[in-house]
Every structure is written in C-alpha cells, then in structure tokens.
Protein backbone atom coordinates (compact mmCIF):
# COMPACT_ATOMS: atom_id res chain seq x y z
CA MET A 1 49.64 98.18 70.81
CA HIS A 2 51.89 95.90 68.73
CA ARG A 3 49.03 95.02 66.39
CA LYS A 4 48.19 98.70 65.92
CA ARG A 5 51.83 99.51 65.08
CA LEU A 6 51.92 96.59 62.65
CA LEU A 7 48.77 97.79 60.87
CA VAL A 8 49.79 101.44 60.77
CA HIS A 9 53.54 101.16 60.14
CA GLY A 10 54.06 97.64 58.80
CA ASP A 11 56.16 96.55 61.78
CA VAL A 12 55.84 96.42 65.54
CA ASN A 13 58.55 99.04 66.02
CA GLY A 14 56.34 101.85 64.75
CA GLY A 15 57.98 102.08 61.33
CA LYS A 16 61.42 102.83 62.67
CA HIS A 17 63.04 100.22 60.39
CA TYR A 18 61.16 101.29 57.24
CA GLY A 19 64.05 103.31 55.80
CA GLU A 20 66.60 100.75 56.91
CA ALA A 21 64.77 97.94 55.11
CA ILE A 22 64.58 99.94 51.87
CA ALA A 23 68.28 100.84 52.16
CA PHE A 24 69.24 97.20 52.84
CA TYR A 25 67.21 96.06 49.84
CA ARG A 26 68.74 98.68 47.55
CA ASP A 27 72.37 98.57 48.81
CA VAL A 28 72.78 94.94 49.84
CA ALA A 29 70.13 92.59 48.41
CA LEU A 30 70.25 93.98 44.87
CA ALA A 31 74.05 93.88 44.85
CA TYR A 32 74.47 90.43 46.46
CA SER A 33 74.64 87.42 44.19
CA GLY A 34 76.18 84.86 46.57
CA ALA A 35 79.73 83.54 46.47
CA LYS A 36 78.45 79.96 46.26
CA ASP A 37 75.13 78.53 45.15
CA ASP A 38 74.34 77.38 48.68
CA GLU A 39 75.03 80.72 50.41
CA CYS A 40 71.91 82.68 51.23
CA LEU A 41 71.56 86.31 52.17
CA LEU A 42 68.90 86.33 54.89
CA TRP A 43 66.54 89.26 55.35
CA PRO A 44 67.24 90.90 58.74
CA PHE A 45 63.89 92.70 58.95
CA ALA A 46 60.23 91.70 59.09
CA CYS A 47 59.10 88.35 57.80
CA GLY A 48 55.48 87.32 57.48
CA GLY A 49 53.87 84.44 59.33
CA HIS A 50 54.92 82.21 56.46
CA GLY A 51 58.60 83.17 56.93
CA TYR A 52 59.07 85.05 53.65
CA ALA A 53 60.78 88.46 53.81
CA GLU A 54 58.46 91.47 53.66
CA MET A 55 58.91 95.23 53.40
CA ARG A 56 56.70 98.26 53.01
CA ASP A 57 56.41 99.95 49.66
CA GLY A 58 54.37 103.04 50.33
CA GLU A 59 51.07 101.79 51.70
CA ASP A 60 51.62 98.20 50.56
CA ILE A 61 53.55 95.37 52.16
CA VAL A 62 55.40 93.45 49.44
CA LEU A 63 57.23 90.13 49.38
CA VAL A 64 60.90 90.97 49.03
CA HIS A 65 61.82 87.88 47.01
CA ARG A 66 59.14 88.66 44.41
CA ARG A 67 60.29 92.29 44.10
CA LEU A 68 63.91 91.09 43.86
CA CYS A 69 63.01 88.59 41.13
CA GLU A 70 61.31 91.41 39.18
CA ASP A 71 64.39 93.64 39.54
CA ALA A 72 66.79 90.84 38.60
CA HIS A 73 64.84 89.04 35.84
CA GLY A 74 62.21 91.51 34.70
CA PRO A 75 58.47 91.28 35.23
CA ALA A 76 56.77 87.93 35.66
CA PRO A 77 55.89 86.31 32.31
CA THR A 78 52.28 86.00 33.50
CA PRO A 79 50.46 87.16 36.63
CA ASP A 80 50.32 83.48 37.71
CA HIS A 81 54.11 83.06 37.79
CA GLU A 82 55.79 82.83 41.19
CA ALA A 83 59.26 83.82 42.34
CA ALA A 84 60.75 80.39 43.08
CA HIS A 85 63.85 79.75 45.21
CA SER A 86 66.39 77.19 43.99
CA CYS A 87 67.89 77.03 47.51
CA ASN A 88 64.66 75.98 49.25
CA ARG A 89 65.27 78.61 51.93
CA GLY A 90 62.73 81.23 50.90
CA LYS A 91 60.60 80.53 53.95
CA PHE A 92 63.64 81.41 56.08
CA GLY A 93 63.98 84.85 54.49
CA CYS A 94 66.50 84.18 51.66
CA VAL A 95 66.85 87.26 49.45
CA THR A 96 69.67 86.09 47.18
CA LYS A 97 68.77 87.10 43.63
CA GLY A 98 70.89 84.28 42.17
CA HIS A 99 68.55 81.79 43.86
CA LEU A 100 65.40 83.24 42.26
CA ARG A 101 63.65 82.49 38.99
CA TRP A 102 60.15 82.79 37.58
CA ALA A 103 58.23 79.52 37.72
CA THR A 104 54.66 78.36 37.39
CA HIS A 105 52.95 77.10 40.52
CA THR A 106 53.33 73.52 39.24
CA GLU A 107 57.08 74.01 38.70
CA ASN A 108 57.43 75.62 42.12
CA MET A 109 55.61 72.71 43.79
CA ALA A 110 57.76 70.20 41.84
CA ASP A 111 60.79 71.80 43.52
CA ARG A 112 59.56 70.28 46.78
CA ASN A 113 60.24 66.81 45.37
CA ILE A 114 63.71 67.87 44.20
CA HIS A 115 64.54 69.38 47.61
CA GLY A 116 63.04 66.47 49.52
CA THR A 117 60.56 68.67 51.40
CA SER A 118 57.33 67.32 49.94
CA ASN A 119 55.00 65.89 52.54
CA HIS A 120 53.55 63.10 50.43
CA GLY A 121 53.76 59.47 51.47
CA GLU A 122 55.36 58.64 54.80
CA ARG A 123 56.32 62.28 55.37
CA ASN A 124 52.66 63.17 55.73
CA GLY A 125 51.78 63.26 59.41
CA LEU A 126 48.40 61.64 58.73
CA ALA A 127 49.77 58.69 56.71
CA LYS A 128 48.72 55.28 57.98
CA LEU A 129 50.74 53.36 55.42
CA THR A 130 54.45 53.15 54.70
CA GLU A 131 56.07 52.43 51.36
CA GLU A 132 56.95 48.94 52.60
CA MET A 133 53.30 48.28 53.51
CA VAL A 134 52.22 49.42 50.05
CA ARG A 135 54.76 47.04 48.46
CA GLN A 136 53.27 44.22 50.56
CA MET A 137 49.73 45.19 49.50
CA ARG A 138 50.31 45.25 45.75
CA PRO A 139 50.56 41.45 45.17
CA LEU A 140 47.35 40.93 47.18
CA PHE A 141 45.15 42.93 44.82
CA GLY A 142 43.01 40.57 42.74
CA THR A 143 43.41 37.75 45.27
CA MET A 144 41.56 39.40 48.17
CA THR A 145 38.81 41.97 48.54
CA TYR A 146 39.67 45.61 49.22
CA GLN A 147 37.91 45.28 52.56
CA ALA A 148 40.11 42.34 53.59
CA ILE A 149 43.32 44.04 52.44
CA GLY A 150 42.31 47.23 54.21
CA ALA A 151 41.59 45.35 57.44
CA LEU A 152 44.94 43.56 57.19
CA PHE A 153 46.83 46.88 56.93
CA GLY A 154 44.61 49.00 59.18
CA VAL A 155 43.06 51.19 56.49
CA SER A 156 39.64 51.44 54.86
CA SER A 157 38.60 49.51 51.78
CA ALA A 158 38.52 52.85 49.93
CA ALA A 159 42.16 53.49 50.86
CA ALA A 160 43.10 50.00 49.63
CA TRP A 161 41.26 50.70 46.35
CA GLN A 162 43.17 54.00 45.94
CA VAL A 163 46.48 52.18 46.40
CA ASP A 164 45.46 49.54 43.84
CA LYS A 165 44.37 52.13 41.27
CA ARG A 166 47.48 54.24 42.03
CA LYS A 167 45.36 57.22 43.05
CA SER A 168 47.57 57.28 46.13
CA TRP A 169 51.09 55.91 46.59
CA GLY A 170 51.36 55.73 42.77
CA TRP A 171 55.15 56.22 42.79
CA VAL A 172 55.73 53.03 44.83
CA GLU A 173 56.49 49.96 42.71
C-alpha cells in the first residue's frame, strides 16, 4: 500500500503533504538565506533514498535543491551543471539557497576533498594500504621487484606497480 501511495501521490501519506511542501518551498525555503554560513534549513518533507529533498511538481518529482538553485541563480549554464552545496549537507536535506551554486560534476566532486568526505585512500573501506605503508614502499621501487614489494605489504604486484607509477596513492609523497 505504501509503494502504491508513493507511486501515485509522490509520498506514502497519499499526497496529503503535497500542498504543504509547495507552501514551505515558496514561503520558507525561497525566503531563507541563513543567518550564518554554517546554518542549514533542512527539508521537513520527503527525501529520496539518497537523502536529497524532493517534492512533486505536477506529475514529476523534482530535487528541491536544484529547483532552488534555479530560482536563486537562474537556469543552469549547461544541462550538465549540478546544484552544488557549499555546506556539504545536501544529502541531509539542506535547502538553504545561500549554500547553493552551479558547478560542473568535476567541481562538485572536488568539493568532497575540501569537505574531507572523499573516500579515496585510507577512507576507502576496501583499502589494503595506508599512507604510511605507501611512504615505506616508495624507496623500495627500483631495488626490488613489484612482486616482492607487493608480498611484503600484502598486495598484488599490480597494486605495487600502480603505487610506483602514481596511478594510485599519487598524492602521497
């Protein structure tokens, strides 16, 4: 029953919040700019599985932060531009227009490094190496085979080669 309501009305409450969401967007989200840069206005209605705020616009379900960025900054420069959050709280339903800007996908992904939320290196759950291990490996290249270095650090010879050629862990000196 919940799935049917979601498909038909856009929420599991049978569309009862549809007008409230539009009113909140119009009366609160568009007017709110945030007293401080770190204050977020969080969307009190439906969020998608990814955490971003959503609302119905006729038959369509739209991302609220993208619609808000369009209303605040005009249309996207290109269809490939994304509405990027400077606060890094978009996935928690932030709808503060002062936190939004148009950015390319590359710029939006670079924000992960600025915010410290990128999962490269040790933050990746599948990483077998640490930055310290990579620092210990670097002087060994040229003196030992990739297979021997890999065995010493518990990785494949291909992984050792990638570290040497800076295809992986390239930021570690």
